[in-house]
Amino acid sequence: MGGWAIAVHGGAGVDPNLPNQRQEQAKQLLTRCLNLGISALRSSHSAIDVVELVRELETDPLFNSGRGSALTAEGTVEMEASIMDGCGRRCGAVSGVTTVKNPISLARLVMDKSPHSYLAFSGAEEFAKQQGVEMVDNDYFITEDNVGMLKLAKEANSILFDYRIPTLGMESSCSAAVENPLQMNGLPISIYAPETVGCVVVDSQGRCAAATSTGGLMNKMAGRIGDSPMIGAGTYAGELCGVSCTGEGEAIIRGTLARDVAAVMEYMGLGLQEAVDYVIKKRLDHGFAGMIAVSSKGEVAYGFNSIGMFRACATEDGFMEVAIWE
């Protein structure tokens, strides 16, 4: 075993014109979460406990999870999250959550306190009430910025990925995207830049864990489920590694991206960074995505084929990085 390692992400696909102030805010939030994880690992907390720090990202409205989540076409928030413990490959996931303050903690309870791996919509909400988790009105998750961006998305008649691009000049940006659209499942979509959040950890015992949380896509159809709650697609942890993905959910689902990293390590003998690079290059079918990963050997890796990915990582031997671009 090579010691502990941790990585957190705030989403792949970043507006290249993102204001410097917003970039610094993102880096500060990622750094704070990274330091919380480092402190917990130095105190010998287990990997599965440490990845639940995704709660911190859900509580801050900067990224697309928890408070600040993207809005559905109906103007509401439907959140989803998953968590996986590589020790025994235990997992829990939730979708369609509308009043649970921290979806990642509800996913943890599904894993620890229910006989199931995945609960959704009214069933997940009822389970949350039974478990006594903190509940809030749906309005708590909705921010003024997101209301404005939903309006722009509807005017552009598109699913809007980077719904936090500054309003100034947005109208021309949207029209350009409609004239030269990217596609998802063969249908045009607007600007690509989701901001899902996630965390992967390997502790000093070599145990890996992963967690991912998101509000999904701006102007998505009500009931849409992405990759983030899907074990093997957006999240995976096993004996060899832990992986959290971000990006075009439909492409990640088709490629079972997170599980494939573990598969090529196991069956092809690739190292962690080699496996991440291979999967990003070979499994996305023209989709855009990114991922963070740790190995049971104490390694950390990341990869993306989008314009940037909000990320921060550290290892026990002193390596630390907080970055957005290549």
Protein backbone atom coordinates (compact mmCIF):
# COMPACT_ATOMS: atom_id res chain seq x y z
CA MET A 1 0.00 0.00 0.00
CA GLY A 2 1.23 3.45 -0.89
CA GLY A 3 -0.65 5.59 1.61
CA TRP A 4 -3.80 7.68 1.28
CA ALA A 5 -4.89 9.80 -1.67
CA ILE A 6 -7.88 12.01 -2.38
CA ALA A 7 -9.39 13.93 -5.29
CA VAL A 8 -12.47 16.14 -5.59
CA HIS A 9 -14.07 17.62 -8.68
CA GLY A 10 -16.59 20.33 -9.48
CA GLY A 11 -17.40 19.26 -13.00
CA ALA A 12 -15.87 18.87 -16.45
CA GLY A 13 -16.52 21.40 -19.19
CA VAL A 14 -15.73 24.99 -18.26
CA ASP A 15 -16.56 28.22 -20.06
CA PRO A 16 -13.18 29.42 -21.44
CA ASN A 17 -14.28 32.98 -20.68
CA LEU A 18 -15.15 32.21 -17.06
CA PRO A 19 -14.35 35.35 -15.01
CA ASN A 20 -11.22 35.13 -12.86
CA GLN A 21 -13.27 35.82 -9.74
CA ARG A 22 -15.41 32.76 -10.37
CA GLN A 23 -12.34 30.66 -11.07
CA GLU A 24 -10.82 31.71 -7.75
CA GLN A 25 -14.08 31.02 -5.88
CA ALA A 26 -14.14 27.52 -7.34
CA LYS A 27 -10.50 26.88 -6.43
CA GLN A 28 -11.06 28.12 -2.89
CA LEU A 29 -14.06 25.84 -2.39
CA LEU A 30 -12.22 22.83 -3.81
CA THR A 31 -9.19 23.60 -1.64
CA ARG A 32 -11.34 23.82 1.48
CA CYS A 33 -12.94 20.46 0.73
CA LEU A 34 -9.56 18.91 -0.09
CA ASN A 35 -8.13 20.11 3.21
CA LEU A 36 -11.10 18.69 5.11
CA GLY A 37 -10.45 15.34 3.47
CA ILE A 38 -6.72 15.46 4.15
CA SER A 39 -7.35 16.23 7.82
CA ALA A 40 -9.79 13.32 8.09
CA LEU A 41 -7.37 10.91 6.40
CA ARG A 42 -4.53 12.00 8.66
CA SER A 43 -6.86 11.20 11.57
CA SER A 44 -7.31 7.65 10.17
CA HIS A 45 -10.90 8.06 9.01
CA SER A 46 -12.04 5.45 6.49
CA ALA A 47 -12.35 6.19 2.79
CA ILE A 48 -16.13 5.78 2.79
CA ASP A 49 -16.49 8.34 5.57
CA VAL A 50 -14.20 10.83 3.86
CA VAL A 51 -15.94 10.80 0.45
CA GLU A 52 -19.12 11.96 2.15
CA LEU A 53 -17.48 15.41 2.33
CA VAL A 54 -19.36 15.91 -0.96
CA ARG A 55 -21.91 17.37 1.49
CA GLU A 56 -19.75 20.49 1.59
CA LEU A 57 -20.05 20.90 -2.17
CA GLU A 58 -23.81 20.28 -2.05
CA THR A 59 -24.28 22.98 0.59
CA ASP A 60 -22.38 25.66 -1.34
CA PRO A 61 -24.36 27.01 -4.34
CA LEU A 62 -21.26 27.45 -6.50
CA PHE A 63 -21.50 24.07 -8.22
CA ASN A 64 -24.41 22.06 -9.60
CA SER A 65 -25.42 19.88 -6.66
CA GLY A 66 -27.66 20.41 -3.66
CA ARG A 67 -28.28 24.14 -3.27
CA GLY A 68 -27.60 25.72 -6.66
CA SER A 69 -28.72 22.66 -8.64
CA ALA A 70 -29.86 22.99 -12.24
CA LEU A 71 -33.58 23.43 -12.81
CA THR A 72 -35.91 21.16 -14.73
CA ALA A 73 -38.06 22.48 -17.56
CA GLU A 74 -40.76 22.93 -14.91
CA GLY A 75 -38.53 25.19 -12.82
CA THR A 76 -37.99 22.69 -9.99
CA VAL A 77 -34.92 20.86 -8.69
CA GLU A 78 -34.50 17.08 -8.96
CA MET A 79 -31.20 15.88 -7.51
CA GLU A 80 -29.35 12.58 -7.65
CA ALA A 81 -26.31 11.08 -5.98
CA SER A 82 -24.46 7.83 -5.39
CA ILE A 83 -21.76 6.49 -3.10
CA MET A 84 -19.75 3.27 -3.21
CA ASP A 85 -17.46 1.52 -0.77
CA GLY A 86 -14.82 -0.55 -2.55
CA CYS A 87 -14.53 -2.73 0.52
CA GLY A 88 -17.21 -5.31 -0.30
CA ARG A 89 -18.51 -3.20 -3.21
CA ARG A 90 -21.38 -1.85 -1.14
CA CYS A 91 -23.28 1.02 -2.74
CA GLY A 92 -26.24 3.37 -2.39
CA ALA A 93 -27.91 5.77 -4.80
CA VAL A 94 -30.87 8.17 -5.03
CA SER A 95 -32.62 10.01 -7.86
CA GLY A 96 -35.45 12.50 -8.15
CA VAL A 97 -34.77 13.94 -4.69
CA THR A 98 -36.50 17.29 -4.17
CA THR A 99 -36.42 18.14 -0.44
CA VAL A 100 -33.36 16.35 0.98
CA LYS A 101 -30.70 18.91 1.88
CA ASN A 102 -27.78 16.55 1.26
CA PRO A 103 -28.55 13.82 -1.30
CA ILE A 104 -25.12 12.18 -0.86
CA SER A 105 -25.87 11.43 2.78
CA LEU A 106 -29.21 9.93 1.81
CA ALA A 107 -27.38 7.70 -0.68
CA ARG A 108 -25.09 6.64 2.19
CA LEU A 109 -28.15 5.74 4.26
CA VAL A 110 -29.58 3.69 1.39
CA MET A 111 -26.33 1.74 1.46
CA ASP A 112 -26.10 1.39 5.24
CA LYS A 113 -29.73 1.29 6.41
CA SER A 114 -31.81 -0.27 3.63
CA PRO A 115 -31.85 -3.66 1.89
CA HIS A 116 -31.58 -1.88 -1.47
CA SER A 117 -28.95 -0.13 -3.56
CA TYR A 118 -31.08 2.53 -5.29
CA LEU A 119 -34.18 4.51 -4.32
CA ALA A 120 -35.85 7.19 -6.44
CA PHE A 121 -38.45 9.95 -6.33
CA SER A 122 -41.25 9.46 -3.77
CA GLY A 123 -39.65 6.27 -2.43
CA ALA A 124 -36.37 8.09 -1.75
CA GLU A 125 -38.20 10.99 -0.13
CA GLU A 126 -40.21 8.69 2.14
CA PHE A 127 -37.05 6.82 3.15
CA ALA A 128 -35.40 10.15 3.97
CA LYS A 129 -38.28 11.03 6.31
CA GLN A 130 -38.02 7.63 7.99
CA GLN A 131 -34.31 8.15 8.56
CA GLY A 132 -34.77 11.64 9.98
CA VAL A 133 -32.45 13.41 7.55
CA GLU A 134 -32.62 17.18 7.20
CA MET A 135 -35.39 18.22 4.80
CA VAL A 136 -35.97 21.64 3.24
CA ASP A 137 -38.43 23.20 0.80
CA ASN A 138 -37.53 22.84 -2.88
CA ASP A 139 -37.15 26.62 -3.03
CA TYR A 140 -34.02 26.30 -0.86
CA PHE A 141 -32.14 24.76 -3.80
CA ILE A 142 -33.23 27.39 -6.35
CA THR A 143 -31.00 30.41 -6.88
CA GLU A 144 -31.73 33.64 -8.71
CA ASP A 145 -28.95 32.93 -11.20
CA ASN A 146 -30.46 29.57 -12.11
CA VAL A 147 -33.91 31.06 -12.63
CA GLY A 148 -32.37 33.49 -15.10
CA MET A 149 -30.41 30.78 -16.87
CA LEU A 150 -33.49 28.57 -17.19
CA LYS A 151 -35.22 31.49 -18.91
CA LEU A 152 -32.32 31.78 -21.36
CA ALA A 153 -32.37 28.03 -21.98
CA LYS A 154 -36.08 28.12 -22.75
CA GLU A 155 -35.63 31.07 -25.08
CA ALA A 156 -32.90 29.13 -26.90
CA ASN A 157 -35.15 26.04 -26.90
CA SER A 158 -32.26 23.90 -25.68
CA ILE A 159 -30.84 21.98 -22.78
CA LEU A 160 -28.32 24.41 -21.32
CA PHE A 161 -25.22 22.85 -19.82
CA ASP A 162 -23.11 25.75 -18.60
CA TYR A 163 -25.93 27.66 -16.96
CA ARG A 164 -23.51 29.89 -15.05
CA ILE A 165 -21.94 31.62 -18.03
CA PRO A 166 -22.32 35.36 -17.31
CA THR A 167 -25.58 36.78 -18.63
CA LEU A 168 -23.75 39.46 -20.60
CA GLY A 169 -23.50 38.25 -24.18
CA MET A 170 -25.33 35.04 -23.41
CA GLU A 171 -28.02 35.62 -25.99
CA SER A 172 -25.55 35.63 -28.87
CA SER A 173 -23.76 32.61 -27.40
CA CYS A 174 -26.99 30.65 -27.28
CA SER A 175 -27.95 31.53 -30.83
CA ALA A 176 -24.54 30.47 -32.07
CA ALA A 177 -24.93 27.16 -30.29
CA VAL A 178 -28.29 26.58 -31.95
CA GLU A 179 -26.85 27.32 -35.39
CA ASN A 180 -23.94 24.91 -34.83
CA PRO A 181 -25.31 22.51 -32.23
CA LEU A 182 -23.52 19.85 -30.29
CA GLN A 183 -25.58 16.70 -30.02
CA MET A 184 -26.69 14.34 -27.28
CA ASN A 185 -28.24 11.06 -28.36
CA GLY A 186 -28.48 12.57 -31.84
CA LEU A 187 -30.40 15.65 -30.70
CA PRO A 188 -29.05 19.23 -30.55
CA ILE A 189 -28.05 20.64 -27.19
CA SER A 190 -26.51 23.95 -26.22
CA ILE A 191 -23.23 24.82 -24.55
CA TYR A 192 -21.41 21.88 -22.97
CA ALA A 193 -20.20 22.45 -19.41
CA PRO A 194 -21.90 20.56 -16.59
CA GLU A 195 -20.72 21.04 -13.03
CA THR A 196 -21.45 17.80 -11.21
CA VAL A 197 -19.40 17.26 -8.02
CA GLY A 198 -17.59 14.21 -6.74
CA CYS A 199 -14.90 12.79 -4.49
CA VAL A 200 -12.66 9.70 -4.56
CA VAL A 201 -10.52 8.50 -1.69
CA VAL A 202 -8.14 5.68 -0.80
CA ASP A 203 -7.29 5.50 2.89
CA SER A 204 -4.12 4.31 4.60
CA GLN A 205 -5.50 0.76 4.62
CA GLY A 206 -5.81 0.73 0.83
CA ARG A 207 -9.62 0.91 0.88
CA CYS A 208 -11.15 2.87 -2.01
CA ALA A 209 -14.45 4.78 -2.10
CA ALA A 210 -16.23 7.15 -4.47
CA ALA A 211 -19.16 9.58 -4.32
CA THR A 212 -20.91 11.74 -6.94
CA SER A 213 -23.77 14.26 -6.68
CA THR A 214 -25.57 16.50 -9.18
CA GLY A 215 -28.63 18.52 -10.05
CA GLY A 216 -28.42 17.32 -13.66
CA LEU A 217 -29.01 19.47 -16.71
CA MET A 218 -30.58 22.89 -16.91
CA ASN A 219 -33.98 22.68 -18.64
CA LYS A 220 -33.94 18.88 -18.49
CA MET A 221 -37.18 16.93 -18.75
CA ALA A 222 -38.72 16.16 -15.38
CA GLY A 223 -37.80 12.61 -14.42
CA ARG A 224 -34.54 12.55 -16.36
CA ILE A 225 -31.86 10.44 -14.67
CA GLY A 226 -28.20 10.91 -15.55
CA ASP A 227 -25.02 8.99 -14.89
CA SER A 228 -24.23 10.33 -11.41
CA PRO A 229 -26.47 7.93 -9.44
CA MET A 230 -25.66 4.95 -11.65
CA ILE A 231 -23.13 2.58 -10.15
CA GLY A 232 -20.60 1.66 -12.83
CA ALA A 233 -21.38 4.72 -14.95
CA GLY A 234 -20.89 7.86 -12.87
CA THR A 235 -19.51 6.21 -9.74
CA TYR A 236 -17.56 3.05 -8.99
CA ALA A 237 -15.25 1.69 -6.31
CA GLY A 238 -13.71 -1.74 -5.90
CA GLU A 239 -10.54 -3.38 -4.66
CA LEU A 240 -8.36 -1.69 -7.30
CA CYS A 241 -9.70 1.85 -7.57
CA GLY A 242 -12.39 4.45 -6.94
CA VAL A 243 -13.78 6.64 -9.76
CA SER A 244 -16.18 9.61 -10.02
CA CYS A 245 -17.24 10.92 -13.43
CA THR A 246 -18.65 14.18 -14.72
CA GLY A 247 -19.83 15.35 -18.11
CA GLU A 248 -22.30 14.26 -20.75
CA GLY A 249 -24.35 11.80 -18.73
CA GLU A 250 -25.81 9.89 -21.63
CA ALA A 251 -22.33 9.19 -23.05
CA ILE A 252 -21.02 8.18 -19.63
CA ILE A 253 -23.92 5.77 -19.19
CA ARG A 254 -23.37 4.16 -22.60
CA GLY A 255 -19.67 3.68 -21.87
CA THR A 256 -20.11 2.52 -18.25
CA LEU A 257 -17.17 4.83 -17.76
CA ALA A 258 -16.36 4.45 -14.06
CA ARG A 259 -16.46 0.66 -14.04
CA ASP A 260 -14.43 0.50 -17.24
CA VAL A 261 -11.45 2.11 -15.50
CA ALA A 262 -11.41 -0.76 -13.01
CA ALA A 263 -11.98 -3.28 -15.80
CA VAL A 264 -9.01 -2.25 -17.93
CA MET A 265 -6.82 -2.17 -14.84
CA GLU A 266 -7.90 -5.69 -13.95
CA TYR A 267 -8.06 -7.31 -17.37
CA MET A 268 -5.46 -5.34 -19.34
CA GLY A 269 -3.03 -4.67 -16.50
CA LEU A 270 -3.01 -0.91 -17.02
CA GLY A 271 -1.90 1.50 -14.31
CA LEU A 272 -4.37 4.02 -12.91
CA GLN A 273 -3.48 7.00 -15.12
CA GLU A 274 -3.15 4.74 -18.16
CA ALA A 275 -6.62 3.32 -17.47
CA VAL A 276 -8.16 6.77 -17.09
CA ASP A 277 -6.55 7.97 -20.33
CA TYR A 278 -7.65 4.83 -22.18
CA VAL A 279 -11.27 5.11 -21.08
CA ILE A 280 -11.51 8.83 -21.87
CA LYS A 281 -10.08 8.20 -25.35
CA LYS A 282 -11.83 4.93 -26.25
CA ARG A 283 -15.19 4.78 -24.47
CA LEU A 284 -16.94 8.13 -24.93
CA ASP A 285 -18.29 7.76 -28.50
CA HIS A 286 -17.76 11.45 -29.29
CA GLY A 287 -19.17 12.52 -25.91
CA PHE A 288 -17.44 14.91 -23.53
CA ALA A 289 -16.57 13.98 -19.96
CA GLY A 290 -13.98 13.87 -17.23
CA MET A 291 -13.16 11.79 -14.20
CA ILE A 292 -11.08 11.62 -11.05
CA ALA A 293 -9.69 8.35 -9.69
CA VAL A 294 -7.56 6.83 -6.93
CA SER A 295 -5.96 3.41 -6.71
CA SER A 296 -5.48 1.08 -3.77
CA LYS A 297 -1.74 1.78 -4.13
CA GLY A 298 -2.24 5.40 -3.09
CA GLU A 299 -2.15 6.89 -6.59
CA VAL A 300 -4.37 9.68 -7.86
CA ALA A 301 -5.30 10.40 -11.49
CA TYR A 302 -7.69 12.45 -13.59
CA GLY A 303 -8.58 12.92 -17.23
CA PHE A 304 -11.01 14.87 -19.41
CA ASN A 305 -11.65 15.64 -23.07
CA SER A 306 -13.67 18.78 -22.41
CA ILE A 307 -12.47 22.34 -21.98
CA GLY A 308 -11.21 22.14 -18.43
CA MET A 309 -12.35 20.37 -15.28
CA PHE A 310 -12.62 21.81 -11.79
CA ARG A 311 -10.42 19.52 -9.68
CA ALA A 312 -8.21 19.21 -6.62
CA CYS A 313 -6.12 16.25 -5.49
CA ALA A 314 -3.51 15.27 -2.94
CA THR A 315 -1.49 12.24 -1.82
CA GLU A 316 0.17 11.27 1.43
CA ASP A 317 3.64 11.83 -0.01
CA GLY A 318 3.00 15.58 -0.28
CA PHE A 319 1.66 16.02 -3.82
CA MET A 320 -1.17 18.57 -4.11
CA GLU A 321 -2.85 20.21 -7.10
CA VAL A 322 -5.84 22.53 -7.49
CA ALA A 323 -6.60 23.35 -11.12
CA ILE A 324 -9.18 23.98 -13.82
CA TRP A 325 -7.41 23.86 -17.17
CA GLU A 326 -4.94 21.42 -18.75
